[in-house]
Amino acid sequence: MRCKIGKVWVYGEELDQHSRCRHYQTERDIVAIKFPCCQQYWACYDCHAALSGHQPARWPQAKWDTTAILCGACGAELSIKDYFDCQFQCPVCNASFNPGCARHYHLYFEQ
């Protein structure tokens, strides 16, 4: 399944209009992440694993200036660095992001 947010498509299972998927459905679960392996935005790691048909790759630190984070509220695309620095709030629309996502950074970003 996919949904369009702003100018980009987000992929995942049972998506809503803000990129929430069947795995993460709180009001603040509105961040989608572009995977470097396929250059597509996914709602979460589990959605990528279930639907992409390939192994996930993580973003190396040398590429953290890449635009790879999508705010599901306003469609703003952020660099990974900007996402880390935003204090779990979209710098464009001020929507709140889930701080619990930090527990999963090791799945998306090389440490």
Protein backbone atom coordinates (compact mmCIF):
# COMPACT_ATOMS: atom_id res chain seq x y z
CA MET A 1 0.00 0.00 0.00
CA ARG A 2 1.13 3.58 -0.53
CA CYS A 3 -0.10 7.09 0.16
CA LYS A 4 1.03 10.45 -1.16
CA ILE A 5 2.20 13.03 1.35
CA GLY A 6 3.28 16.32 -0.11
CA LYS A 7 5.24 15.46 -3.25
CA VAL A 8 6.34 11.95 -2.30
CA TRP A 9 4.91 8.47 -1.95
CA VAL A 10 5.14 6.60 1.35
CA TYR A 11 4.93 2.81 1.39
CA GLY A 12 3.69 0.58 4.18
CA GLU A 13 0.96 -1.62 5.57
CA GLU A 14 -2.44 -0.09 6.29
CA LEU A 15 -1.28 3.52 5.90
CA ASP A 16 -3.31 6.56 6.85
CA GLN A 17 -2.97 10.05 5.35
CA HIS A 18 -0.15 10.96 7.79
CA SER A 19 2.07 7.88 7.16
CA ARG A 20 0.95 5.93 10.23
CA CYS A 21 1.00 2.20 9.57
CA ARG A 22 -0.37 -0.92 11.19
CA HIS A 23 2.74 -1.11 13.42
CA TYR A 24 2.76 2.46 14.78
CA GLN A 25 -0.48 4.36 15.21
CA THR A 26 -0.13 7.01 17.90
CA GLU A 27 -0.86 10.64 17.10
CA ARG A 28 2.90 11.35 16.98
CA ASP A 29 3.85 8.44 14.69
CA ILE A 30 4.01 10.66 11.62
CA VAL A 31 7.61 10.25 10.43
CA ALA A 32 8.46 8.25 7.33
CA ILE A 33 12.04 7.34 6.48
CA LYS A 34 13.64 6.99 3.06
CA PHE A 35 15.75 3.84 2.88
CA PRO A 36 19.08 4.16 1.04
CA CYS A 37 18.69 0.70 -0.53
CA CYS A 38 15.64 1.65 -2.60
CA GLN A 39 15.37 5.43 -2.23
CA GLN A 40 11.74 5.06 -1.16
CA TYR A 41 9.99 6.39 1.92
CA TRP A 42 8.60 3.74 4.24
CA ALA A 43 6.37 4.14 7.28
CA CYS A 44 8.64 1.89 9.34
CA TYR A 45 11.28 -0.82 9.28
CA ASP A 46 8.68 -3.58 9.65
CA CYS A 47 6.73 -2.32 6.64
CA HIS A 48 9.93 -2.27 4.57
CA ALA A 49 10.77 -5.82 5.68
CA ALA A 50 7.29 -7.09 4.82
CA LEU A 51 6.78 -5.41 1.45
CA SER A 52 10.00 -4.27 -0.20
CA GLY A 53 11.34 -7.64 -1.35
CA HIS A 54 14.93 -6.81 -0.42
CA GLN A 55 17.18 -6.40 2.60
CA PRO A 56 17.14 -2.97 4.28
CA ALA A 57 20.19 -0.75 4.37
CA ARG A 58 21.07 1.83 7.01
CA TRP A 59 22.24 5.38 6.41
CA PRO A 60 25.99 5.79 7.02
CA GLN A 61 27.02 8.78 9.14
CA ALA A 62 28.79 10.30 6.12
CA LYS A 63 25.38 10.71 4.44
CA TRP A 64 23.38 12.18 7.32
CA ASP A 65 23.09 15.44 5.38
CA THR A 66 20.79 13.56 2.95
CA THR A 67 17.11 14.45 2.84
CA ALA A 68 15.56 11.23 4.13
CA ILE A 69 12.93 12.09 6.75
CA LEU A 70 9.34 13.03 5.90
CA CYS A 71 6.90 14.81 8.20
CA GLY A 72 3.55 13.09 7.74
CA ALA A 73 1.71 16.19 8.90
CA CYS A 74 2.98 18.77 6.39
CA GLY A 75 5.09 16.80 3.89
CA ALA A 76 8.33 18.59 4.75
CA GLU A 77 11.47 16.62 3.93
CA LEU A 78 14.30 16.90 6.44
CA SER A 79 17.90 15.82 6.38
CA ILE A 80 18.83 13.15 8.89
CA LYS A 81 20.94 15.73 10.78
CA ASP A 82 18.00 18.14 10.93
CA TYR A 83 15.77 15.36 12.22
CA PHE A 84 18.24 14.52 14.97
CA ASP A 85 18.42 18.21 15.92
CA CYS A 86 14.68 19.00 15.85
CA GLN A 87 13.84 17.83 19.38
CA PHE A 88 11.02 15.59 18.06
CA GLN A 89 9.10 18.47 16.50
CA CYS A 90 8.81 19.35 12.83
CA PRO A 91 10.75 22.57 12.21
CA VAL A 92 8.30 23.51 9.45
CA CYS A 93 4.83 22.89 10.94
CA ASN A 94 5.66 22.22 14.63
CA ALA A 95 3.91 18.83 14.62
CA SER A 96 5.17 16.55 17.39
CA PHE A 97 7.16 13.44 16.50
CA ASN A 98 7.27 10.35 18.69
CA PRO A 99 10.40 10.47 20.89
CA GLY A 100 10.14 6.68 21.24
CA CYS A 101 11.40 6.42 17.66
CA ALA A 102 14.90 7.05 19.02
CA ARG A 103 14.90 3.45 20.33
CA HIS A 104 14.89 2.28 16.71
CA TYR A 105 17.61 4.53 15.25
CA HIS A 106 19.98 1.54 15.07
CA LEU A 107 17.69 0.03 12.42
CA TYR A 108 17.88 3.06 10.15
CA PHE A 109 21.15 4.83 10.89
CA GLU A 110 24.67 3.51 11.39
CA GLN A 111 25.88 4.52 14.83
